[in-house]
Amino acid sequence: MDNAHTPTAYKGTGEMREINKMGETLKEAAQKYIPQTTKNIADLPEVDIETMQLEDRSGVDNNNEQFNYKVIVVNGEEYRVPSSVIGNIKGILEKKPALKKVSVSKTGQGMNTRYTVIPME
């Protein structure tokens, strides 16, 4: 039905009443739905490690357990920064303290995800 009113049985009495539809239909919501995903530092072509500020966030995993993680914000979008990436940058800085930019590549998925930090000139 395309109209804003839908006839329906009222409280099982057989009496018909009209109800005003409020909001959108499940179909309309599904068509607009964009799943919430967390972007990752590896999604960026390069990162200026001197200017990007780390921010703390928390979430809830599939077991309803709270966890904490770090993000950088680029153009209003949050990108997760895994602790292994921070550790890799620390190792590179020990050998190359003047480093200003890095690129991060990601392989694998889930618990098998590995990150490679590449110093940029």
PDB file of N, CA and C in Angstrom:
ATOM      1  N   MET A   1       0.837  -1.192   0.000  1.00  0.00           N
ATOM      2  CA  MET A   1       0.000   0.000   0.000  1.00  0.00           C
ATOM      3  C   MET A   1       0.875   1.245   0.000  1.00  0.00           C
ATOM      4  N   ASP A   2       0.465   2.230  -0.738  1.00  0.00           N
ATOM      5  CA  ASP A   2       1.259   3.437  -0.820  1.00  0.00           C
ATOM      6  C   ASP A   2       0.738   4.557   0.057  1.00  0.00           C
ATOM      7  N   ASN A   3      -0.483   4.412   0.577  1.00  0.00           N
ATOM      8  CA  ASN A   3      -1.005   5.524   1.370  1.00  0.00           C
ATOM      9  C   ASN A   3      -0.432   5.483   2.781  1.00  0.00           C
ATOM     10  N   ALA A   4      -0.626   6.557   3.509  1.00  0.00           N
ATOM     11  CA  ALA A   4      -0.039   6.686   4.843  1.00  0.00           C
ATOM     12  C   ALA A   4      -0.877   6.001   5.902  1.00  0.00           C
ATOM     13  N   HIS A   5      -2.026   5.494   5.556  1.00  0.00           N
ATOM     14  CA  HIS A   5      -2.899   4.850   6.533  1.00  0.00           C
ATOM     15  C   HIS A   5      -3.116   3.403   6.133  1.00  0.00           C
ATOM     16  N   THR A   6      -3.059   2.518   7.092  1.00  0.00           N
ATOM     17  CA  THR A   6      -3.258   1.104   6.835  1.00  0.00           C
ATOM     18  C   THR A   6      -4.363   0.597   7.747  1.00  0.00           C
ATOM     19  N   PRO A   7      -5.413  -0.025   7.191  1.00  0.00           N
ATOM     20  CA  PRO A   7      -6.449  -0.569   8.064  1.00  0.00           C
ATOM     21  C   PRO A   7      -5.919  -1.793   8.801  1.00  0.00           C
ATOM     22  N   THR A   8      -6.304  -1.954  10.048  1.00  0.00           N
ATOM     23  CA  THR A   8      -5.867  -3.099  10.833  1.00  0.00           C
ATOM     24  C   THR A   8      -6.934  -3.476  11.855  1.00  0.00           C
ATOM     25  N   ALA A   9      -6.940  -4.726  12.256  1.00  0.00           N
ATOM     26  CA  ALA A   9      -7.887  -5.162  13.283  1.00  0.00           C
ATOM     27  C   ALA A   9      -7.475  -4.532  14.611  1.00  0.00           C
ATOM     28  N   TYR A  10      -8.441  -4.074  15.360  1.00  0.00           N
ATOM     29  CA  TYR A  10      -8.168  -3.368  16.605  1.00  0.00           C
ATOM     30  C   TYR A  10      -8.371  -4.287  17.796  1.00  0.00           C
ATOM     31  N   LYS A  11      -7.284  -4.605  18.493  1.00  0.00           N
ATOM     32  CA  LYS A  11      -7.299  -5.372  19.744  1.00  0.00           C
ATOM     33  C   LYS A  11      -8.120  -6.650  19.647  1.00  0.00           C
ATOM     34  N   GLY A  12      -8.076  -7.281  18.487  1.00  0.00           N
ATOM     35  CA  GLY A  12      -8.750  -8.563  18.335  1.00  0.00           C
ATOM     36  C   GLY A  12     -10.267  -8.507  18.385  1.00  0.00           C
ATOM     37  N   THR A  13     -10.867  -7.320  18.318  1.00  0.00           N
ATOM     38  CA  THR A  13     -12.324  -7.197  18.400  1.00  0.00           C
ATOM     39  C   THR A  13     -12.986  -7.303  17.041  1.00  0.00           C
ATOM     40  N   GLY A  14     -12.195  -7.331  15.989  1.00  0.00           N
ATOM     41  CA  GLY A  14     -12.765  -7.370  14.646  1.00  0.00           C
ATOM     42  C   GLY A  14     -13.067  -5.973  14.131  1.00  0.00           C
ATOM     43  N   GLU A  15     -13.003  -4.980  15.005  1.00  0.00           N
ATOM     44  CA  GLU A  15     -13.242  -3.591  14.609  1.00  0.00           C
ATOM     45  C   GLU A  15     -12.015  -3.109  13.840  1.00  0.00           C
ATOM     46  N   MET A  16     -12.223  -2.473  12.707  1.00  0.00           N
ATOM     47  CA  MET A  16     -11.113  -1.983  11.896  1.00  0.00           C
ATOM     48  C   MET A  16     -10.831  -0.525  12.221  1.00  0.00           C
ATOM     49  N   ARG A  17      -9.559  -0.230  12.413  1.00  0.00           N
ATOM     50  CA  ARG A  17      -9.130   1.153  12.631  1.00  0.00           C
ATOM     51  C   ARG A  17      -7.950   1.418  11.717  1.00  0.00           C
ATOM     52  N   GLU A  18      -7.696   2.660  11.443  1.00  0.00           N
ATOM     53  CA  GLU A  18      -6.537   3.018  10.634  1.00  0.00           C
ATOM     54  C   GLU A  18      -5.410   3.466  11.548  1.00  0.00           C
ATOM     55  N   ILE A  19      -4.207   3.057  11.193  1.00  0.00           N
ATOM     56  CA  ILE A  19      -3.030   3.466  11.949  1.00  0.00           C
ATOM     57  C   ILE A  19      -2.180   4.318  11.019  1.00  0.00           C
ATOM     58  N   ASN A  20      -1.686   5.407  11.543  1.00  0.00           N
ATOM     59  CA  ASN A  20      -0.759   6.225  10.763  1.00  0.00           C
ATOM     60  C   ASN A  20       0.607   5.568  10.795  1.00  0.00           C
ATOM     61  N   LYS A  21       1.209   5.375   9.624  1.00  0.00           N
ATOM     62  CA  LYS A  21       2.565   4.833   9.561  1.00  0.00           C
ATOM     63  C   LYS A  21       3.532   5.951   9.932  1.00  0.00           C
ATOM     64  N   MET A  22       4.431   5.649  10.812  1.00  0.00           N
ATOM     65  CA  MET A  22       5.444   6.624  11.206  1.00  0.00           C
ATOM     66  C   MET A  22       6.808   6.106  10.732  1.00  0.00           C
ATOM     67  N   GLY A  23       7.674   6.970  10.327  1.00  0.00           N
ATOM     68  CA  GLY A  23       9.011   6.558   9.952  1.00  0.00           C
ATOM     69  C   GLY A  23       9.053   5.874   8.604  1.00  0.00           C
ATOM     70  N   GLU A  24      10.014   4.941   8.488  1.00  0.00           N
ATOM     71  CA  GLU A  24      10.214   4.271   7.219  1.00  0.00           C
ATOM     72  C   GLU A  24       9.949   2.774   7.364  1.00  0.00           C
ATOM     73  N   THR A  25       9.775   2.140   6.240  1.00  0.00           N
ATOM     74  CA  THR A  25       9.536   0.696   6.259  1.00  0.00           C
ATOM     75  C   THR A  25      10.864  -0.024   6.448  1.00  0.00           C
ATOM     76  N   LEU A  26      10.787  -1.285   6.777  1.00  0.00           N
ATOM     77  CA  LEU A  26      11.991  -2.100   6.907  1.00  0.00           C
ATOM     78  C   LEU A  26      12.749  -2.137   5.582  1.00  0.00           C
ATOM     79  N   LYS A  27      12.007  -2.206   4.476  1.00  0.00           N
ATOM     80  CA  LYS A  27      12.636  -2.220   3.153  1.00  0.00           C
ATOM     81  C   LYS A  27      13.399  -0.924   2.907  1.00  0.00           C
ATOM     82  N   GLU A  28      12.766   0.210   3.220  1.00  0.00           N
ATOM     83  CA  GLU A  28      13.429   1.504   3.018  1.00  0.00           C
ATOM     84  C   GLU A  28      14.683   1.605   3.879  1.00  0.00           C
ATOM     85  N   ALA A  29      14.585   1.151   5.122  1.00  0.00           N
ATOM     86  CA  ALA A  29      15.747   1.195   6.012  1.00  0.00           C
ATOM     87  C   ALA A  29      16.860   0.302   5.488  1.00  0.00           C
ATOM     88  N   ALA A  30      16.500  -0.894   4.991  1.00  0.00           N
ATOM     89  CA  ALA A  30      17.497  -1.827   4.466  1.00  0.00           C
ATOM     90  C   ALA A  30      18.194  -1.258   3.233  1.00  0.00           C
ATOM     91  N   GLN A  31      17.439  -0.558   2.393  1.00  0.00           N
ATOM     92  CA  GLN A  31      18.040   0.015   1.185  1.00  0.00           C
ATOM     93  C   GLN A  31      19.023   1.126   1.523  1.00  0.00           C
ATOM     94  N   LYS A  32      18.805   1.834   2.613  1.00  0.00           N
ATOM     95  CA  LYS A  32      19.689   2.928   3.021  1.00  0.00           C
ATOM     96  C   LYS A  32      20.832   2.463   3.921  1.00  0.00           C
ATOM     97  N   TYR A  33      20.740   1.211   4.410  1.00  0.00           N
ATOM     98  CA  TYR A  33      21.660   0.717   5.417  1.00  0.00           C
ATOM     99  C   TYR A  33      23.093   0.662   4.922  1.00  0.00           C
ATOM    100  N   ILE A  34      23.975   1.225   5.710  1.00  0.00           N
ATOM    101  CA  ILE A  34      25.406   1.132   5.465  1.00  0.00           C
ATOM    102  C   ILE A  34      25.998   0.514   6.724  1.00  0.00           C
ATOM    103  N   PRO A  35      26.560  -0.702   6.625  1.00  0.00           N
ATOM    104  CA  PRO A  35      27.074  -1.340   7.831  1.00  0.00           C
ATOM    105  C   PRO A  35      28.191  -0.524   8.455  1.00  0.00           C
ATOM    106  N   GLN A  36      28.197  -0.517   9.779  1.00  0.00           N
ATOM    107  CA  GLN A  36      29.217   0.233  10.486  1.00  0.00           C
ATOM    108  C   GLN A  36      30.508  -0.576  10.473  1.00  0.00           C
ATOM    109  N   THR A  37      31.540   0.011   9.926  1.00  0.00           N
ATOM    110  CA  THR A  37      32.833  -0.650   9.884  1.00  0.00           C
ATOM    111  C   THR A  37      33.876   0.296  10.438  1.00  0.00           C
ATOM    112  N   THR A  38      34.942  -0.276  10.934  1.00  0.00           N
ATOM    113  CA  THR A  38      36.041   0.526  11.436  1.00  0.00           C
ATOM    114  C   THR A  38      37.101   0.563  10.356  1.00  0.00           C
ATOM    115  N   LYS A  39      37.457   1.741   9.965  1.00  0.00           N
ATOM    116  CA  LYS A  39      38.531   1.869   8.989  1.00  0.00           C
ATOM    117  C   LYS A  39      39.847   1.594   9.708  1.00  0.00           C
ATOM    118  N   ASN A  40      40.882   1.372   8.926  1.00  0.00           N
ATOM    119  CA  ASN A  40      42.164   0.965   9.468  1.00  0.00           C
ATOM    120  C   ASN A  40      43.259   1.862   8.909  1.00  0.00           C
ATOM    121  N   ILE A  41      44.301   2.080   9.679  1.00  0.00           N
ATOM    122  CA  ILE A  41      45.410   2.922   9.242  1.00  0.00           C
ATOM    123  C   ILE A  41      45.978   2.437   7.908  1.00  0.00           C
ATOM    124  N   ALA A  42      45.872   1.143   7.629  1.00  0.00           N
ATOM    125  CA  ALA A  42      46.365   0.598   6.357  1.00  0.00           C
ATOM    126  C   ALA A  42      45.524   1.061   5.171  1.00  0.00           C
ATOM    127  N   ASP A  43      44.337   1.619   5.436  1.00  0.00           N
ATOM    128  CA  ASP A  43      43.493   2.142   4.357  1.00  0.00           C
ATOM    129  C   ASP A  43      43.993   3.493   3.840  1.00  0.00           C
ATOM    130  N   LEU A  44      44.913   4.115   4.561  1.00  0.00           N
ATOM    131  CA  LEU A  44      45.450   5.416   4.156  1.00  0.00           C
ATOM    132  C   LEU A  44      46.716   5.226   3.326  1.00  0.00           C
ATOM    133  N   PRO A  45      46.938   6.066   2.304  1.00  0.00           N
ATOM    134  CA  PRO A  45      48.141   5.910   1.472  1.00  0.00           C
ATOM    135  C   PRO A  45      49.429   6.154   2.261  1.00  0.00           C
ATOM    136  N   GLU A  46      49.401   7.130   3.154  1.00  0.00           N
ATOM    137  CA  GLU A  46      50.534   7.394   4.051  1.00  0.00           C
ATOM    138  C   GLU A  46      50.051   8.202   5.239  1.00  0.00           C
ATOM    139  N   VAL A  47      50.852   8.175   6.306  1.00  0.00           N
ATOM    140  CA  VAL A  47      50.475   8.845   7.545  1.00  0.00           C
ATOM    141  C   VAL A  47      51.647   9.680   8.039  1.00  0.00           C
ATOM    142  N   ASP A  48      51.374  10.939   8.349  1.00  0.00           N
ATOM    143  CA  ASP A  48      52.377  11.828   8.931  1.00  0.00           C
ATOM    144  C   ASP A  48      52.422  11.541  10.427  1.00  0.00           C
ATOM    145  N   ILE A  49      53.477  10.863  10.889  1.00  0.00           N
ATOM    146  CA  ILE A  49      53.540  10.444  12.292  1.00  0.00           C
ATOM    147  C   ILE A  49      53.884  11.593  13.241  1.00  0.00           C
ATOM    148  N   GLU A  50      54.280  12.736  12.694  1.00  0.00           N
ATOM    149  CA  GLU A  50      54.584  13.891  13.544  1.00  0.00           C
ATOM    150  C   GLU A  50      53.343  14.716  13.868  1.00  0.00           C
ATOM    151  N   THR A  51      52.331  14.673  13.008  1.00  0.00           N
ATOM    152  CA  THR A  51      51.157  15.517  13.237  1.00  0.00           C
ATOM    153  C   THR A  51      49.900  14.754  13.656  1.00  0.00           C
ATOM    154  N   MET A  52      49.809  13.458  13.322  1.00  0.00           N
ATOM    155  CA  MET A  52      48.604  12.683  13.666  1.00  0.00           C
ATOM    156  C   MET A  52      48.545  12.440  15.169  1.00  0.00           C
ATOM    157  N   GLN A  53      47.399  12.774  15.760  1.00  0.00           N
ATOM    158  CA  GLN A  53      47.192  12.581  17.188  1.00  0.00           C
ATOM    159  C   GLN A  53      46.433  11.285  17.437  1.00  0.00           C
ATOM    160  N   LEU A  54      46.930  10.450  18.343  1.00  0.00           N
ATOM    161  CA  LEU A  54      46.221   9.238  18.727  1.00  0.00           C
ATOM    162  C   LEU A  54      45.114   9.579  19.706  1.00  0.00           C
ATOM    163  N   GLU A  55      43.969   8.936  19.547  1.00  0.00           N
ATOM    164  CA  GLU A  55      42.849   9.103  20.469  1.00  0.00           C
ATOM    165  C   GLU A  55      42.404   7.729  20.946  1.00  0.00           C
ATOM    166  N   ASP A  56      41.958   7.651  22.192  1.00  0.00           N
ATOM    167  CA  ASP A  56      41.505   6.386  22.769  1.00  0.00           C
ATOM    168  C   ASP A  56      40.024   6.175  22.501  1.00  0.00           C
ATOM    169  N   ARG A  57      39.656   4.950  22.190  1.00  0.00           N
ATOM    170  CA  ARG A  57      38.265   4.551  21.997  1.00  0.00           C
ATOM    171  C   ARG A  57      38.052   3.230  22.724  1.00  0.00           C
ATOM    172  N   SER A  58      36.782   2.870  22.917  1.00  0.00           N
ATOM    173  CA  SER A  58      36.468   1.553  23.471  1.00  0.00           C
ATOM    174  C   SER A  58      35.294   0.973  22.701  1.00  0.00           C
ATOM    175  N   GLY A  59      35.197  -0.344  22.714  1.00  0.00           N
ATOM    176  CA  GLY A  59      34.128  -1.044  22.023  1.00  0.00           C
ATOM    177  C   GLY A  59      33.771  -2.297  22.790  1.00  0.00           C
ATOM    178  N   VAL A  60      32.828  -3.058  22.251  1.00  0.00           N
ATOM    179  CA  VAL A  60      32.393  -4.308  22.860  1.00  0.00           C
ATOM    180  C   VAL A  60      32.544  -5.403  21.810  1.00  0.00           C
ATOM    181  N   ASP A  61      33.204  -6.498  22.187  1.00  0.00           N
ATOM    182  CA  ASP A  61      33.417  -7.589  21.235  1.00  0.00           C
ATOM    183  C   ASP A  61      32.223  -8.535  21.181  1.00  0.00           C
ATOM    184  N   ASN A  62      32.340  -9.605  20.422  1.00  0.00           N
ATOM    185  CA  ASN A  62      31.240 -10.559  20.248  1.00  0.00           C
ATOM    186  C   ASN A  62      30.852 -11.264  21.545  1.00  0.00           C
ATOM    187  N   ASN A  63      31.753 -11.286  22.518  1.00  0.00           N
ATOM    188  CA  ASN A  63      31.466 -11.906  23.812  1.00  0.00           C
ATOM    189  C   ASN A  63      30.964 -10.891  24.831  1.00  0.00           C
ATOM    190  N   ASN A  64      30.612  -9.703  24.355  1.00  0.00           N
ATOM    191  CA  ASN A  64      30.121  -8.613  25.211  1.00  0.00           C
ATOM    192  C   ASN A  64      31.190  -8.096  26.173  1.00  0.00           C
ATOM    193  N   GLU A  65      32.454  -8.290  25.824  1.00  0.00           N
ATOM    194  CA  GLU A  65      33.574  -7.820  26.636  1.00  0.00           C
ATOM    195  C   GLU A  65      34.050  -6.484  26.067  1.00  0.00           C
ATOM    196  N   GLN A  66      34.308  -5.545  26.966  1.00  0.00           N
ATOM    197  CA  GLN A  66      34.787  -4.238  26.527  1.00  0.00           C
ATOM    198  C   GLN A  66      36.275  -4.334  26.189  1.00  0.00           C
ATOM    199  N   PHE A  67      36.687  -3.608  25.140  1.00  0.00           N
ATOM    200  CA  PHE A  67      38.100  -3.524  24.778  1.00  0.00           C
ATOM    201  C   PHE A  67      38.419  -2.091  24.386  1.00  0.00           C
ATOM    202  N   ASN A  68      39.688  -1.733  24.490  1.00  0.00           N
ATOM    203  CA  ASN A  68      40.143  -0.388  24.158  1.00  0.00           C
ATOM    204  C   ASN A  68      41.019  -0.452  22.913  1.00  0.00           C
ATOM    205  N   TYR A  69      40.998   0.613  22.140  1.00  0.00           N
ATOM    206  CA  TYR A  69      41.836   0.692  20.953  1.00  0.00           C
ATOM    207  C   TYR A  69      42.153   2.154  20.666  1.00  0.00           C
ATOM    208  N   LYS A  70      43.113   2.375  19.785  1.00  0.00           N
ATOM    209  CA  LYS A  70      43.541   3.722  19.426  1.00  0.00           C
ATOM    210  C   LYS A  70      43.147   4.025  17.987  1.00  0.00           C
ATOM    211  N   VAL A  71      42.844   5.299  17.732  1.00  0.00           N
ATOM    212  CA  VAL A  71      42.499   5.749  16.392  1.00  0.00           C
ATOM    213  C   VAL A  71      43.220   7.047  16.090  1.00  0.00           C
ATOM    214  N   ILE A  72      43.343   7.333  14.793  1.00  0.00           N
ATOM    215  CA  ILE A  72      43.678   8.680  14.339  1.00  0.00           C
ATOM    216  C   ILE A  72      42.457   9.158  13.571  1.00  0.00           C
ATOM    217  N   VAL A  73      42.240  10.465  13.539  1.00  0.00           N
ATOM    218  CA  VAL A  73      41.097  11.029  12.832  1.00  0.00           C
ATOM    219  C   VAL A  73      41.623  11.812  11.632  1.00  0.00           C
ATOM    220  N   VAL A  74      41.167  11.407  10.441  1.00  0.00           N
ATOM    221  CA  VAL A  74      41.575  12.060   9.199  1.00  0.00           C
ATOM    222  C   VAL A  74      40.306  12.495   8.476  1.00  0.00           C
ATOM    223  N   ASN A  75      40.164  13.799   8.273  1.00  0.00           N
ATOM    224  CA  ASN A  75      38.980  14.355   7.599  1.00  0.00           C
ATOM    225  C   ASN A  75      37.680  13.857   8.226  1.00  0.00           C
ATOM    226  N   GLY A  76      37.638  13.799   9.545  1.00  0.00           N
ATOM    227  CA  GLY A  76      36.434  13.405  10.265  1.00  0.00           C
ATOM    228  C   GLY A  76      36.187  11.908  10.313  1.00  0.00           C
ATOM    229  N   GLU A  77      37.050  11.098   9.707  1.00  0.00           N
ATOM    230  CA  GLU A  77      36.904   9.637   9.704  1.00  0.00           C
ATOM    231  C   GLU A  77      37.917   9.032  10.664  1.00  0.00           C
ATOM    232  N   GLU A  78      37.481   8.036  11.430  1.00  0.00           N
ATOM    233  CA  GLU A  78      38.373   7.369  12.378  1.00  0.00           C
ATOM    234  C   GLU A  78      39.039   6.161  11.726  1.00  0.00           C
ATOM    235  N   TYR A  79      40.343   6.024  11.963  1.00  0.00           N
ATOM    236  CA  TYR A  79      41.128   4.906  11.465  1.00  0.00           C
ATOM    237  C   TYR A  79      41.819   4.246  12.653  1.00  0.00           C
ATOM    238  N   ARG A  80      41.548   2.954  12.851  1.00  0.00           N
ATOM    239  CA  ARG A  80      42.131   2.230  13.969  1.00  0.00           C
ATOM    240  C   ARG A  80      43.625   2.047  13.749  1.00  0.00           C
ATOM    241  N   VAL A  81      44.379   2.192  14.851  1.00  0.00           N
ATOM    242  CA  VAL A  81      45.820   2.008  14.808  1.00  0.00           C
ATOM    243  C   VAL A  81      46.168   0.847  15.746  1.00  0.00           C
ATOM    244  N   PRO A  82      46.446  -0.337  15.192  1.00  0.00           N
ATOM    245  CA  PRO A  82      46.783  -1.478  16.043  1.00  0.00           C
ATOM    246  C   PRO A  82      48.075  -1.232  16.827  1.00  0.00           C
ATOM    247  N   SER A  83      48.165  -1.805  18.009  1.00  0.00           N
ATOM    248  CA  SER A  83      49.356  -1.618  18.842  1.00  0.00           C
ATOM    249  C   SER A  83      50.599  -2.160  18.153  1.00  0.00           C
ATOM    250  N   SER A  84      50.468  -3.190  17.324  1.00  0.00           N
ATOM    251  CA  SER A  84      51.636  -3.722  16.617  1.00  0.00           C
ATOM    252  C   SER A  84      52.223  -2.681  15.655  1.00  0.00           C
ATOM    253  N   VAL A  85      51.349  -1.832  15.076  1.00  0.00           N
ATOM    254  CA  VAL A  85      51.828  -0.776  14.184  1.00  0.00           C
ATOM    255  C   VAL A  85      52.617   0.256  14.989  1.00  0.00           C
ATOM    256  N   ILE A  86      52.112   0.601  16.158  1.00  0.00           N
ATOM    257  CA  ILE A  86      52.827   1.555  17.018  1.00  0.00           C
ATOM    258  C   ILE A  86      54.192   0.989  17.401  1.00  0.00           C
ATOM    259  N   GLY A  87      54.236  -0.301  17.737  1.00  0.00           N
ATOM    260  CA  GLY A  87      55.506  -0.955  18.064  1.00  0.00           C
ATOM    261  C   GLY A  87      56.468  -0.973  16.892  1.00  0.00           C
ATOM    262  N   ASN A  88      55.953  -1.237  15.691  1.00  0.00           N
ATOM    263  CA  ASN A  88      56.811  -1.235  14.501  1.00  0.00           C
ATOM    264  C   ASN A  88      57.374   0.150  14.224  1.00  0.00           C
ATOM    265  N   ILE A  89      56.549   1.184  14.404  1.00  0.00           N
ATOM    266  CA  ILE A  89      57.030   2.556  14.192  1.00  0.00           C
ATOM    267  C   ILE A  89      58.129   2.876  15.210  1.00  0.00           C
ATOM    268  N   LYS A  90      57.958   2.447  16.445  1.00  0.00           N
ATOM    269  CA  LYS A  90      58.984   2.665  17.473  1.00  0.00           C
ATOM    270  C   LYS A  90      60.312   2.038  17.041  1.00  0.00           C
ATOM    271  N   GLY A  91      60.251   0.804  16.524  1.00  0.00           N
ATOM    272  CA  GLY A  91      61.471   0.138  16.067  1.00  0.00           C
ATOM    273  C   GLY A  91      62.148   0.886  14.930  1.00  0.00           C
ATOM    274  N   ILE A  92      61.369   1.398  14.003  1.00  0.00           N
ATOM    275  CA  ILE A  92      61.930   2.150  12.878  1.00  0.00           C
ATOM    276  C   ILE A  92      62.548   3.453  13.383  1.00  0.00           C
ATOM    277  N   LEU A  93      61.872   4.115  14.343  1.00  0.00           N
ATOM    278  CA  LEU A  93      62.381   5.390  14.872  1.00  0.00           C
ATOM    279  C   LEU A  93      63.717   5.219  15.598  1.00  0.00           C
ATOM    280  N   GLU A  94      63.965   4.029  16.163  1.00  0.00           N
ATOM    281  CA  GLU A  94      65.251   3.789  16.827  1.00  0.00           C
ATOM    282  C   GLU A  94      66.399   3.829  15.818  1.00  0.00           C
ATOM    283  N   LYS A  95      66.140   3.393  14.602  1.00  0.00           N
ATOM    284  CA  LYS A  95      67.160   3.403  13.545  1.00  0.00           C
ATOM    285  C   LYS A  95      67.114   4.669  12.690  1.00  0.00           C
ATOM    286  N   LYS A  96      65.942   5.293  12.637  1.00  0.00           N
ATOM    287  CA  LYS A  96      65.753   6.450  11.763  1.00  0.00           C
ATOM    288  C   LYS A  96      64.931   7.513  12.511  1.00  0.00           C
ATOM    289  N   PRO A  97      65.539   8.207  13.480  1.00  0.00           N
ATOM    290  CA  PRO A  97      64.791   9.139  14.331  1.00  0.00           C
ATOM    291  C   PRO A  97      64.168  10.332  13.603  1.00  0.00           C
ATOM    292  N   ALA A  98      64.626  10.653  12.398  1.00  0.00           N
ATOM    293  CA  ALA A  98      64.085  11.794  11.658  1.00  0.00           C
ATOM    294  C   ALA A  98      62.850  11.410  10.836  1.00  0.00           C
ATOM    295  N   LEU A  99      62.391  10.158  10.938  1.00  0.00           N
ATOM    296  CA  LEU A  99      61.252   9.685  10.161  1.00  0.00           C
ATOM    297  C   LEU A  99      60.025  10.565  10.393  1.00  0.00           C
ATOM    298  N   LYS A 100      59.345  10.941   9.305  1.00  0.00           N
ATOM    299  CA  LYS A 100      58.156  11.791   9.405  1.00  0.00           C
ATOM    300  C   LYS A 100      56.885  11.108   8.911  1.00  0.00           C
ATOM    301  N   LYS A 101      57.018  10.226   7.921  1.00  0.00           N
ATOM    302  CA  LYS A 101      55.832   9.594   7.334  1.00  0.00           C
ATOM    303  C   LYS A 101      56.052   8.094   7.162  1.00  0.00           C
ATOM    304  N   VAL A 102      54.944   7.363   7.295  1.00  0.00           N
ATOM    305  CA  VAL A 102      54.972   5.924   7.061  1.00  0.00           C
ATOM    306  C   VAL A 102      53.763   5.534   6.219  1.00  0.00           C
ATOM    307  N   SER A 103      53.858   4.369   5.629  1.00  0.00           N
ATOM    308  CA  SER A 103      52.730   3.740   4.972  1.00  0.00           C
ATOM    309  C   SER A 103      52.578   2.383   5.641  1.00  0.00           C
ATOM    310  N   VAL A 104      51.348   1.932   5.804  1.00  0.00           N
ATOM    311  CA  VAL A 104      51.100   0.653   6.473  1.00  0.00           C
ATOM    312  C   VAL A 104      50.362  -0.260   5.505  1.00  0.00           C
ATOM    313  N   SER A 105      50.876  -1.483   5.361  1.00  0.00           N
ATOM    314  CA  SER A 105      50.158  -2.465   4.549  1.00  0.00           C
ATOM    315  C   SER A 105      49.646  -3.559   5.474  1.00  0.00           C
ATOM    316  N   LYS A 106      48.544  -4.171   5.064  1.00  0.00           N
ATOM    317  CA  LYS A 106      47.857  -5.160   5.888  1.00  0.00           C
ATOM    318  C   LYS A 106      47.653  -6.417   5.061  1.00  0.00           C
ATOM    319  N   THR A 107      47.939  -7.577   5.665  1.00  0.00           N
ATOM    320  CA  THR A 107      47.647  -8.851   5.032  1.00  0.00           C
ATOM    321  C   THR A 107      46.879  -9.720   6.017  1.00  0.00           C
ATOM    322  N   GLY A 108      46.046 -10.614   5.511  1.00  0.00           N
ATOM    323  CA  GLY A 108      45.271 -11.505   6.364  1.00  0.00           C
ATOM    324  C   GLY A 108      44.021 -10.840   6.894  1.00  0.00           C
ATOM    325  N   GLN A 109      43.276 -11.615   7.706  1.00  0.00           N
ATOM    326  CA  GLN A 109      42.034 -11.119   8.301  1.00  0.00           C
ATOM    327  C   GLN A 109      41.900 -11.644   9.715  1.00  0.00           C
ATOM    328  N   GLY A 110      41.099 -10.947  10.494  1.00  0.00           N
ATOM    329  CA  GLY A 110      40.808 -11.395  11.858  1.00  0.00           C
ATOM    330  C   GLY A 110      42.075 -11.553  12.682  1.00  0.00           C
ATOM    331  N   MET A 111      42.165 -12.684  13.384  1.00  0.00           N
ATOM    332  CA  MET A 111      43.319 -12.937  14.243  1.00  0.00           C
ATOM    333  C   MET A 111      44.599 -13.191  13.442  1.00  0.00           C
ATOM    334  N   ASN A 112      44.493 -13.400  12.139  1.00  0.00           N
ATOM    335  CA  ASN A 112      45.658 -13.652  11.286  1.00  0.00           C
ATOM    336  C   ASN A 112      46.133 -12.399  10.557  1.00  0.00           C
ATOM    337  N   THR A 113      45.673 -11.226  10.981  1.00  0.00           N
ATOM    338  CA  THR A 113      46.068  -9.979  10.330  1.00  0.00           C
ATOM    339  C   THR A 113      47.501  -9.620  10.711  1.00  0.00           C
ATOM    340  N   ARG A 114      48.283  -9.254   9.718  1.00  0.00           N
ATOM    341  CA  ARG A 114      49.663  -8.809   9.928  1.00  0.00           C
ATOM    342  C   ARG A 114      49.828  -7.450   9.269  1.00  0.00           C
ATOM    343  N   TYR A 115      50.605  -6.587   9.934  1.00  0.00           N
ATOM    344  CA  TYR A 115      50.850  -5.240   9.425  1.00  0.00           C
ATOM    345  C   TYR A 115      52.333  -5.058   9.145  1.00  0.00           C
ATOM    346  N   THR A 116      52.632  -4.371   8.051  1.00  0.00           N
ATOM    347  CA  THR A 116      53.990  -4.000   7.714  1.00  0.00           C
ATOM    348  C   THR A 116      54.043  -2.481   7.628  1.00  0.00           C
ATOM    349  N   VAL A 117      54.962  -1.890   8.386  1.00  0.00           N
ATOM    350  CA  VAL A 117      55.128  -0.431   8.371  1.00  0.00           C
ATOM    351  C   VAL A 117      56.307  -0.115   7.462  1.00  0.00           C
ATOM    352  N   ILE A 118      56.051   0.747   6.486  1.00  0.00           N
ATOM    353  CA  ILE A 118      57.059   1.113   5.493  1.00  0.00           C
ATOM    354  C   ILE A 118      57.419   2.585   5.691  1.00  0.00           C
ATOM    355  N   PRO A 119      58.692   2.870   5.989  1.00  0.00           N
ATOM    356  CA  PRO A 119      59.102   4.277   6.120  1.00  0.00           C
ATOM    357  C   PRO A 119      59.015   4.982   4.767  1.00  0.00           C
ATOM    358  N   MET A 120      58.476   6.196   4.767  1.00  0.00           N
ATOM    359  CA  MET A 120      58.376   6.982   3.546  1.00  0.00           C
ATOM    360  C   MET A 120      59.412   8.110   3.607  1.00  0.00           C
ATOM    361  N   GLU A 121      60.006   8.418   2.490  1.00  0.00           N
ATOM    362  CA  GLU A 121      61.010   9.493   2.443  1.00  0.00           C
ATOM    363  C   GLU A 121      60.346  10.829   2.262  1.00  0.00           C
TER     364      GLU A 121
END
